[in-house]
């Protein structure tokens, strides 16, 4: 930003006070003060304008999100409340859970598992267009057949959240709604701030104010370990070097969770998921689009680390993740606040949920070739600077100790189940693979 240029004949004035005295220069000093004041005013006005523009950009609806009007039109009224109440019915001693992002990959599986064991479940999802929403709508149909009602709405809509809590006294919240994907953050950063930060705060604001307050379990990410080179990753390791905006928003979420726990007594458990895969998965994940492209005979891109090093992931099957989520809900202690005021210390936890067996991506492709009975056309390229990291590996000793978490599905067995679902889903639905 340009500033006013100093008056040329003052360039030789000493910087040490008291060494130079202007004589008969009062009018000039007044003019100088006026210009200095004007310069400061211009500077602060510019800062203010930048701040307003920045706020406007972040506050503007993301192009990947439905409009607020469209969402509001889909909820409310006696029939809607009956559906909510019916879906929230629980067996004796069961939980009553609000699942955000219920039509997402993990959200669908967690909601179905809760419902199968007799818990009351209400889902909420905005069905955005990050990937083709038809898959989300099919998940919604699956949930509704299982007795889970999914409300179409945005977690930033505080009036909708308050209405849900008015109708149902939720004992727990399973917060899975988020803008996912590491690479997409380079195209649409505002969507990550909108969902992962603003959305989380909106949810916590409602949860802190209701009475009784629910216990909250939410999805963080293994991405928070970022550029940390120490493996396997432990919950005690540093997480202050995010490699992507997605990771930064998840790290911010962990700090926000700490704040609401400390001030308002909310019981909060964070779960750092490690590369979840399986049936009904996300089309933006490598195992999913590798399967699509191999079947279509298209080449697939495999990235390698510097020096021809392997890129490996701690692939974790969805059923194992679900067990960790349910165990976190079952062991969550009650929140201690009332009416937005903390009454005592509240539980605050963070756990890794992984498989503890990192597998090179090249091995993943080999397993898919075996399952699909098709040879992949591989293109190996250097790993770009797009937020991806070379290696992930979970230390799950804490989750095993506190949650009795123990993954038991290896990658080959898990991919076999995924491939079976994939072929069955796209053949039965008569949707062309090219649409994905």
Protein backbone atom coordinates (compact mmCIF):
# COMPACT_ATOMS: atom_id res chain seq x y z
CA UNK A 1 0.00 0.00 0.00
CA UNK A 2 1.48 3.40 -0.96
CA UNK A 3 2.01 6.08 1.68
CA UNK A 4 2.51 9.85 1.43
CA UNK A 5 6.07 10.72 0.41
CA UNK A 6 8.00 12.74 3.08
CA UNK A 7 8.64 16.40 2.29
CA UNK A 8 12.06 16.56 0.62
CA UNK A 9 13.67 19.41 2.59
CA UNK A 10 12.97 17.62 5.90
CA UNK A 11 15.12 14.65 4.93
CA UNK A 12 18.09 16.06 6.85
CA UNK A 13 16.25 16.53 10.15
CA UNK A 14 18.05 14.42 12.83
CA UNK A 15 16.10 11.48 14.24
CA UNK A 16 17.25 12.19 17.80
CA UNK A 17 14.77 14.42 19.67
CA UNK A 18 16.02 17.82 20.82
CA UNK A 19 18.87 18.12 18.33
CA UNK A 20 17.06 20.33 15.88
CA UNK A 21 14.80 23.33 16.34
CA UNK A 22 12.47 24.78 13.76
CA UNK A 23 11.99 28.51 13.95
CA UNK A 24 8.91 30.35 12.79
CA UNK A 25 7.46 27.20 11.28
CA UNK A 26 4.18 26.75 13.12
CA UNK A 27 1.92 26.98 10.01
CA UNK A 28 4.11 24.42 8.28
CA UNK A 29 3.99 22.10 11.30
CA UNK A 30 0.21 22.29 11.27
CA UNK A 31 0.22 21.36 7.58
CA UNK A 32 2.61 18.47 8.31
CA UNK A 33 0.38 17.22 11.13
CA UNK A 34 -2.62 17.47 8.84
CA UNK A 35 -0.87 15.38 6.17
CA UNK A 36 0.24 12.84 8.78
CA UNK A 37 -3.30 12.59 10.13
CA UNK A 38 -4.62 12.19 6.61
CA UNK A 39 -2.05 9.47 5.95
CA UNK A 40 -3.09 7.57 9.08
CA UNK A 41 -6.75 7.97 8.21
CA UNK A 42 -6.11 6.62 4.71
CA UNK A 43 -4.14 3.70 6.11
CA UNK A 44 -6.79 2.68 8.66
CA UNK A 45 -9.57 3.19 6.12
CA UNK A 46 -7.78 0.84 3.76
CA UNK A 47 -7.37 -1.76 6.49
CA UNK A 48 -11.05 -1.46 7.33
CA UNK A 49 -12.03 -1.86 3.67
CA UNK A 50 -9.86 -4.97 3.32
CA UNK A 51 -11.43 -6.40 6.48
CA UNK A 52 -14.96 -5.79 5.14
CA UNK A 53 -14.09 -7.40 1.81
CA UNK A 54 -12.52 -10.40 3.58
CA UNK A 55 -15.57 -10.82 5.79
CA UNK A 56 -17.86 -10.56 2.77
CA UNK A 57 -15.92 -13.26 0.90
CA UNK A 58 -16.04 -15.64 3.86
CA UNK A 59 -19.67 -14.86 4.63
CA UNK A 60 -20.92 -15.23 1.07
CA UNK A 61 -22.65 -18.54 0.38
CA UNK A 62 -20.24 -21.03 -1.12
CA UNK A 63 -21.07 -22.04 -4.68
CA UNK A 64 -21.03 -25.67 -3.53
CA UNK A 65 -23.71 -25.08 -0.93
CA UNK A 66 -27.48 -24.78 -1.32
CA UNK A 67 -28.98 -21.40 -0.57
CA UNK A 68 -30.32 -20.75 2.91
CA UNK A 69 -33.80 -20.14 1.50
CA UNK A 70 -33.82 -23.52 -0.20
CA UNK A 71 -32.80 -25.20 3.05
CA UNK A 72 -35.31 -23.37 5.22
CA UNK A 73 -38.16 -24.35 2.92
CA UNK A 74 -37.50 -28.04 3.67
CA UNK A 75 -38.12 -28.11 7.43
CA UNK A 76 -40.76 -27.19 9.99
CA UNK A 77 -44.44 -27.91 10.55
CA UNK A 78 -46.42 -30.63 12.39
CA UNK A 79 -45.66 -33.42 9.91
CA UNK A 80 -41.97 -32.60 9.99
CA UNK A 81 -41.95 -32.64 13.81
CA UNK A 82 -43.70 -36.03 13.82
CA UNK A 83 -41.02 -37.47 11.56
CA UNK A 84 -38.30 -36.06 13.79
CA UNK A 85 -39.94 -37.42 16.93
CA UNK A 86 -40.50 -40.85 15.40
CA UNK A 87 -36.88 -41.12 14.24
CA UNK A 88 -35.65 -40.10 17.70
CA UNK A 89 -37.49 -42.89 19.50
CA UNK A 90 -35.09 -45.06 21.43
CA UNK A 91 -35.04 -48.34 23.29
CA UNK A 92 -34.80 -48.22 27.12
CA UNK A 93 -31.43 -46.76 28.18
CA UNK A 94 -30.59 -45.95 24.54
CA UNK A 95 -28.94 -42.78 23.33
CA UNK A 96 -30.67 -40.01 21.39
CA UNK A 97 -28.16 -38.78 18.83
CA UNK A 98 -28.08 -35.90 16.38
CA UNK A 99 -25.77 -36.94 13.53
CA UNK A 100 -24.53 -34.07 11.37
CA UNK A 101 -23.39 -34.96 7.87
CA UNK A 102 -25.64 -38.02 8.11
CA UNK A 103 -25.83 -38.56 4.35
CA UNK A 104 -22.06 -38.55 4.09
CA UNK A 105 -19.89 -41.67 3.95
CA UNK A 106 -19.10 -42.08 7.65
CA UNK A 107 -22.36 -40.43 8.71
CA UNK A 108 -24.47 -43.02 6.91
CA UNK A 109 -22.65 -45.98 8.44
CA UNK A 110 -22.64 -44.50 11.97
CA UNK A 111 -26.35 -43.59 11.78
CA UNK A 112 -27.31 -47.09 10.61
CA UNK A 113 -25.21 -48.74 13.32
CA UNK A 114 -26.80 -46.57 16.03
CA UNK A 115 -30.28 -47.30 14.75
CA UNK A 116 -29.67 -51.04 14.50
CA UNK A 117 -28.77 -51.23 18.18
CA UNK A 118 -31.86 -49.27 19.24
CA UNK A 119 -30.67 -45.70 19.61
CA UNK A 120 -32.75 -42.73 18.48
CA UNK A 121 -31.11 -40.99 15.54
CA UNK A 122 -31.84 -37.75 13.68
CA UNK A 123 -29.62 -36.81 10.77
CA UNK A 124 -28.92 -33.44 9.20
CA UNK A 125 -27.18 -32.85 5.87
CA UNK A 126 -27.06 -30.02 3.33
CA UNK A 127 -26.45 -32.32 0.33
CA UNK A 128 -23.89 -29.97 -1.21
CA UNK A 129 -22.33 -30.52 -4.61
CA UNK A 130 -18.72 -31.22 -3.61
CA UNK A 131 -19.34 -34.57 -5.28
CA UNK A 132 -22.43 -35.80 -7.12
CA UNK A 133 -25.30 -35.54 -4.59
CA UNK A 134 -27.09 -38.51 -6.16
CA UNK A 135 -24.89 -40.81 -4.09
CA UNK A 136 -25.86 -38.87 -0.97
CA UNK A 137 -29.54 -39.12 -1.91
CA UNK A 138 -29.18 -42.88 -2.28
CA UNK A 139 -27.56 -43.02 1.15
CA UNK A 140 -30.51 -41.00 2.44
CA UNK A 141 -32.92 -43.59 1.01
CA UNK A 142 -30.93 -46.32 2.75
CA UNK A 143 -31.17 -44.44 6.04
CA UNK A 144 -34.89 -43.82 5.72
CA UNK A 145 -35.47 -47.52 5.07
CA UNK A 146 -33.59 -48.13 8.31
CA UNK A 147 -35.77 -45.70 10.23
CA UNK A 148 -33.46 -42.67 10.24
CA UNK A 149 -34.93 -39.32 9.18
CA UNK A 150 -32.39 -36.97 7.56
CA UNK A 151 -33.29 -33.28 7.80
CA UNK A 152 -32.09 -31.23 4.86
CA UNK A 153 -30.38 -28.22 6.34
CA UNK A 154 -27.10 -26.46 7.06
CA UNK A 155 -25.35 -26.57 10.43
CA UNK A 156 -24.81 -22.82 10.11
CA UNK A 157 -28.59 -22.40 10.37
CA UNK A 158 -28.87 -21.79 14.12
CA UNK A 159 -32.66 -21.52 14.01
CA UNK A 160 -32.91 -25.03 12.54
CA UNK A 161 -30.53 -26.45 15.15
CA UNK A 162 -32.47 -24.80 17.98
CA UNK A 163 -35.71 -26.15 16.57
CA UNK A 164 -34.30 -29.68 16.52
CA UNK A 165 -33.24 -29.38 20.15
CA UNK A 166 -36.67 -27.98 21.03
CA UNK A 167 -38.33 -31.05 19.54
CA UNK A 168 -35.80 -33.63 20.78
CA UNK A 169 -33.68 -33.51 23.99
CA UNK A 170 -30.57 -35.01 22.41
CA UNK A 171 -28.22 -36.79 24.79
CA UNK A 172 -25.38 -36.84 22.24
CA UNK A 173 -24.22 -35.16 19.05
CA UNK A 174 -22.11 -37.02 16.49
CA UNK A 175 -20.64 -34.17 14.45
CA UNK A 176 -19.44 -35.48 11.08
CA UNK A 177 -20.52 -32.62 8.80
CA UNK A 178 -17.50 -30.98 7.16
CA UNK A 179 -16.04 -29.87 3.87
CA UNK A 180 -13.78 -32.80 3.06
CA UNK A 181 -10.84 -33.17 0.71
CA UNK A 182 -7.30 -31.81 0.83
CA UNK A 183 -6.88 -30.70 -2.78
CA UNK A 184 -10.26 -28.99 -3.22
CA UNK A 185 -9.20 -26.36 -0.67
CA UNK A 186 -7.04 -24.79 -3.37
CA UNK A 187 -10.15 -24.20 -5.49
CA UNK A 188 -12.73 -23.20 -2.89
CA UNK A 189 -11.11 -22.21 0.43
CA UNK A 190 -14.23 -20.39 1.63
CA UNK A 191 -16.21 -23.62 1.79
CA UNK A 192 -13.77 -25.00 4.39
CA UNK A 193 -14.08 -21.93 6.60
CA UNK A 194 -17.87 -22.00 6.20
CA UNK A 195 -18.30 -25.67 7.14
CA UNK A 196 -15.34 -26.70 9.28
CA UNK A 197 -14.95 -23.57 11.39
CA UNK A 198 -18.11 -21.44 11.22
CA UNK A 199 -20.35 -24.52 11.11
CA UNK A 200 -18.63 -26.10 14.12
CA UNK A 201 -18.95 -22.88 16.11
CA UNK A 202 -22.65 -22.60 15.19
CA UNK A 203 -23.27 -26.12 16.45
CA UNK A 204 -21.33 -25.56 19.69
CA UNK A 205 -23.16 -22.29 20.32
CA UNK A 206 -26.50 -24.10 20.27
CA UNK A 207 -25.19 -27.06 22.30
CA UNK A 208 -23.81 -24.80 25.04
CA UNK A 209 -27.18 -23.06 25.47
CA UNK A 210 -29.58 -26.01 25.59
CA UNK A 211 -30.47 -27.72 28.83
CA UNK A 212 -29.34 -30.39 29.32
CA UNK A 213 -26.23 -29.98 27.23
CA UNK A 214 -25.41 -32.99 25.02
CA UNK A 215 -22.06 -34.78 24.96
CA UNK A 216 -20.31 -34.18 21.64
CA UNK A 217 -18.18 -36.51 19.55
CA UNK A 218 -16.75 -34.99 16.38
CA UNK A 219 -14.52 -35.88 13.45
CA UNK A 220 -11.12 -34.25 13.36
CA UNK A 221 -8.56 -35.73 10.95
CA UNK A 222 -5.16 -37.38 10.73
CA UNK A 223 -4.30 -34.41 8.48
CA UNK A 224 -3.61 -32.33 11.60
CA UNK A 225 -0.24 -34.09 11.91
CA UNK A 226 0.76 -32.27 8.74
CA UNK A 227 4.51 -32.08 8.21
CA UNK A 228 5.28 -33.99 11.40
CA UNK A 229 7.98 -36.53 10.49
CA UNK A 230 7.73 -38.63 13.65
CA UNK A 231 5.81 -41.87 13.06
CA UNK A 232 3.60 -43.49 14.10
CA UNK A 233 1.53 -40.41 14.89
CA UNK A 234 0.53 -40.13 18.54
CA UNK A 235 -2.05 -37.83 20.11
CA UNK A 236 0.79 -36.20 22.06
CA UNK A 237 2.74 -35.26 18.90
CA UNK A 238 2.86 -31.71 17.58
CA UNK A 239 0.07 -30.65 15.26
CA UNK A 240 1.10 -27.07 14.50
CA UNK A 241 2.44 -27.63 10.98
CA UNK A 242 -0.60 -28.21 8.75
CA UNK A 243 0.18 -29.01 5.12
CA UNK A 244 -3.22 -27.94 3.78
CA UNK A 245 -6.06 -25.56 4.52
CA UNK A 246 -8.26 -28.58 5.25
CA UNK A 247 -5.79 -29.68 7.94
CA UNK A 248 -5.62 -26.14 9.32
CA UNK A 249 -9.42 -25.98 9.70
CA UNK A 250 -9.43 -29.32 11.54
CA UNK A 251 -6.65 -28.12 13.83
CA UNK A 252 -8.65 -24.95 14.42
CA UNK A 253 -11.62 -27.15 15.30
CA UNK A 254 -9.59 -28.90 17.99
CA UNK A 255 -8.67 -25.56 19.55
CA UNK A 256 -12.28 -24.36 19.32
CA UNK A 257 -13.41 -27.57 21.03
CA UNK A 258 -10.95 -26.92 23.86
CA UNK A 259 -12.34 -23.39 24.28
CA UNK A 260 -16.00 -24.48 24.53
CA UNK A 261 -15.07 -27.28 26.89
CA UNK A 262 -13.13 -24.88 29.12
CA UNK A 263 -15.67 -22.05 29.17
CA UNK A 264 -19.04 -23.79 28.90
CA UNK A 265 -18.46 -27.30 30.29
CA UNK A 266 -19.27 -29.17 27.08
CA UNK A 267 -18.09 -32.79 27.05
CA UNK A 268 -16.19 -33.12 23.77
CA UNK A 269 -14.34 -36.02 22.14
CA UNK A 270 -12.38 -35.53 18.92
CA UNK A 271 -11.55 -38.41 16.57
CA UNK A 272 -8.65 -38.23 14.13
CA UNK A 273 -9.70 -40.51 11.26
CA UNK A 274 -7.01 -42.14 9.10
CA UNK A 275 -7.99 -42.60 5.40
CA UNK A 276 -11.39 -44.23 5.76
CA UNK A 277 -12.58 -46.47 2.90
CA UNK A 278 -15.34 -48.95 2.13
CA UNK A 279 -18.82 -49.37 0.60
CA UNK A 280 -20.80 -46.15 0.05
CA UNK A 281 -17.50 -44.26 0.11
CA UNK A 282 -16.56 -40.86 -1.29
CA UNK A 283 -15.88 -40.60 -5.05
CA UNK A 284 -13.03 -38.13 -4.42
CA UNK A 285 -10.97 -40.76 -2.59
CA UNK A 286 -8.16 -42.50 -4.51
CA UNK A 287 -9.41 -46.07 -4.03
CA UNK A 288 -12.81 -45.00 -5.41
CA UNK A 289 -11.71 -43.16 -8.55
CA UNK A 290 -8.92 -45.69 -9.17
CA UNK A 291 -11.64 -48.36 -9.35
CA UNK A 292 -13.71 -46.22 -11.72
CA UNK A 293 -10.80 -45.45 -14.04
CA UNK A 294 -9.38 -48.98 -14.07
CA UNK A 295 -12.77 -50.34 -15.14
CA UNK A 296 -13.00 -47.68 -17.86
CA UNK A 297 -9.50 -48.44 -19.13
CA UNK A 298 -8.31 -44.94 -18.29
CA UNK A 299 -4.79 -44.33 -16.93
CA UNK A 300 -4.47 -43.65 -13.21
CA UNK A 301 -1.93 -41.28 -11.69
CA UNK A 302 0.22 -42.59 -8.85
CA UNK A 303 2.31 -40.01 -7.02
CA UNK A 304 5.73 -40.75 -5.62
CA UNK A 305 7.73 -38.89 -2.99
CA UNK A 306 11.10 -37.25 -3.74
CA UNK A 307 13.82 -39.75 -4.53
CA UNK A 308 11.29 -42.23 -5.93
CA UNK A 309 9.95 -42.82 -2.43
CA UNK A 310 6.64 -44.52 -1.70
CA UNK A 311 3.50 -42.65 -0.71
CA UNK A 312 1.69 -44.71 1.94
CA UNK A 313 -1.56 -44.42 3.86
CA UNK A 314 -2.98 -46.01 6.99
CA UNK A 315 -6.15 -47.22 5.23
CA UNK A 316 -8.92 -47.86 7.78
CA UNK A 317 -12.05 -49.83 6.91
CA UNK A 318 -15.37 -48.14 7.63
CA UNK A 319 -16.65 -50.83 10.03
CA UNK A 320 -13.62 -50.29 12.27
CA UNK A 321 -14.18 -46.54 12.25
CA UNK A 322 -17.84 -47.06 13.18
CA UNK A 323 -16.83 -49.17 16.19
CA UNK A 324 -14.56 -46.36 17.36
CA UNK A 325 -17.32 -43.78 16.91
CA UNK A 326 -19.87 -45.79 18.88
CA UNK A 327 -17.37 -46.54 21.63
CA UNK A 328 -16.64 -42.81 21.89
CA UNK A 329 -20.34 -42.04 22.27
CA UNK A 330 -20.80 -44.79 24.85
CA UNK A 331 -17.87 -43.64 27.01
CA UNK A 332 -18.56 -39.91 26.72
CA UNK A 333 -19.34 -38.34 30.08
CA UNK A 334 -22.13 -35.82 30.54
CA UNK A 335 -21.51 -32.15 29.89
CA UNK A 336 -21.36 -30.06 33.06
CA UNK A 337 -22.87 -26.79 31.91
CA UNK A 338 -26.38 -25.45 32.33
CA UNK A 339 -27.92 -22.45 30.60
CA UNK A 340 -24.62 -21.67 28.93
CA UNK A 341 -22.71 -21.61 32.22
CA UNK A 342 -20.07 -24.13 33.29
CA UNK A 343 -20.77 -25.88 36.58
CA UNK A 344 -17.61 -27.99 36.77
CA UNK A 345 -14.75 -29.58 34.79
CA UNK A 346 -15.90 -31.47 31.69
CA UNK A 347 -14.42 -34.34 29.73
CA UNK A 348 -12.12 -33.44 26.80
CA UNK A 349 -10.52 -36.21 24.73
CA UNK A 350 -8.80 -36.81 21.41
CA UNK A 351 -8.18 -40.21 19.80
CA UNK A 352 -6.53 -41.61 16.69
CA UNK A 353 -8.72 -44.07 14.79
CA UNK A 354 -6.56 -45.87 12.26
CA UNK A 355 -5.53 -49.34 11.16
CA UNK A 356 -1.86 -49.13 12.24
CA UNK A 357 -0.72 -50.79 8.99
CA UNK A 358 0.38 -48.21 6.38
CA UNK A 359 0.23 -49.53 2.82
CA UNK A 360 1.97 -47.99 -0.21
CA UNK A 361 -0.48 -46.65 -2.79
CA UNK A 362 1.16 -48.90 -5.38
CA UNK A 363 0.06 -51.90 -3.30
CA UNK A 364 -3.46 -50.52 -3.16
CA UNK A 365 -3.55 -50.45 -6.95
CA UNK A 366 -2.24 -54.02 -7.16
CA UNK A 367 -5.02 -55.23 -4.85
CA UNK A 368 -7.63 -53.42 -6.96
CA UNK A 369 -6.23 -55.01 -10.12
CA UNK A 370 -6.62 -58.42 -8.49
CA UNK A 371 -10.16 -57.74 -7.31
CA UNK A 372 -11.31 -56.19 -10.60
CA UNK A 373 -9.36 -58.65 -12.79
CA UNK A 374 -8.21 -55.71 -14.90
CA UNK A 375 -4.68 -54.40 -15.37
CA UNK A 376 -4.32 -50.74 -14.48
CA UNK A 377 -2.62 -48.24 -16.79
CA UNK A 378 -0.26 -46.56 -14.35
CA UNK A 379 1.27 -43.12 -14.72
CA UNK A 380 3.83 -42.29 -12.03
CA UNK A 381 4.39 -38.60 -11.32
CA UNK A 382 6.20 -36.58 -8.65
CA UNK A 383 4.02 -35.64 -5.71
CA UNK A 384 2.72 -32.08 -6.22
CA UNK A 385 2.52 -29.40 -3.55
CA UNK A 386 -1.23 -29.61 -3.11
CA UNK A 387 -1.50 -30.34 0.62
CA UNK A 388 -1.02 -34.11 0.48
CA UNK A 389 1.53 -35.71 2.79
CA UNK A 390 3.81 -38.64 2.07
CA UNK A 391 2.99 -40.96 4.94
CA UNK A 392 0.36 -41.56 7.61
CA UNK A 393 0.54 -44.08 10.42
CA UNK A 394 -1.66 -44.12 13.52
CA UNK A 395 -0.61 -44.99 17.04
CA UNK A 396 -3.90 -46.27 18.47
CA UNK A 397 -2.72 -47.33 21.93
CA UNK A 398 -4.79 -44.63 23.65
CA UNK A 399 -7.96 -45.55 21.75
CA UNK A 400 -7.35 -49.21 22.54
CA UNK A 401 -6.93 -48.41 26.24
CA UNK A 402 -9.89 -46.02 26.61
CA UNK A 403 -12.31 -47.29 23.93
CA UNK A 404 -11.21 -50.91 23.50
CA UNK A 405 -10.71 -49.94 19.87
CA UNK A 406 -9.17 -52.74 17.81
CA UNK A 407 -9.33 -52.67 13.98
CA UNK A 408 -9.61 -56.11 12.42
CA UNK A 409 -10.05 -55.54 8.66
CA UNK A 410 -6.94 -55.56 6.47
CA UNK A 411 -6.82 -53.67 3.19
CA UNK A 412 -7.32 -56.66 0.92
CA UNK A 413 -10.42 -57.83 2.79
CA UNK A 414 -11.82 -54.30 2.94
CA UNK A 415 -11.27 -53.60 -0.75
CA UNK A 416 -12.94 -56.87 -1.65
CA UNK A 417 -16.08 -55.66 0.10
CA UNK A 418 -15.82 -52.24 -1.53
CA UNK A 419 -15.41 -53.63 -5.05
CA UNK A 420 -18.40 -55.93 -4.55
CA UNK A 421 -20.51 -52.96 -3.46
CA UNK A 422 -19.22 -50.75 -6.27
CA UNK A 423 -20.04 -53.19 -9.05
CA UNK A 424 -23.41 -54.04 -7.53
CA UNK A 425 -24.37 -50.41 -6.88
CA UNK A 426 -23.61 -49.11 -10.36
CA UNK A 427 -25.09 -52.10 -12.17
CA UNK A 428 -28.34 -52.08 -10.16
CA UNK A 429 -28.78 -48.33 -10.25
CA UNK A 430 -28.06 -48.34 -14.02
CA UNK A 431 -25.88 -45.28 -13.62
CA UNK A 432 -22.95 -45.08 -15.98
CA UNK A 433 -19.57 -45.04 -14.32
CA UNK A 434 -18.64 -42.14 -16.59
CA UNK A 435 -21.07 -39.96 -14.65
CA UNK A 436 -18.66 -40.11 -11.73
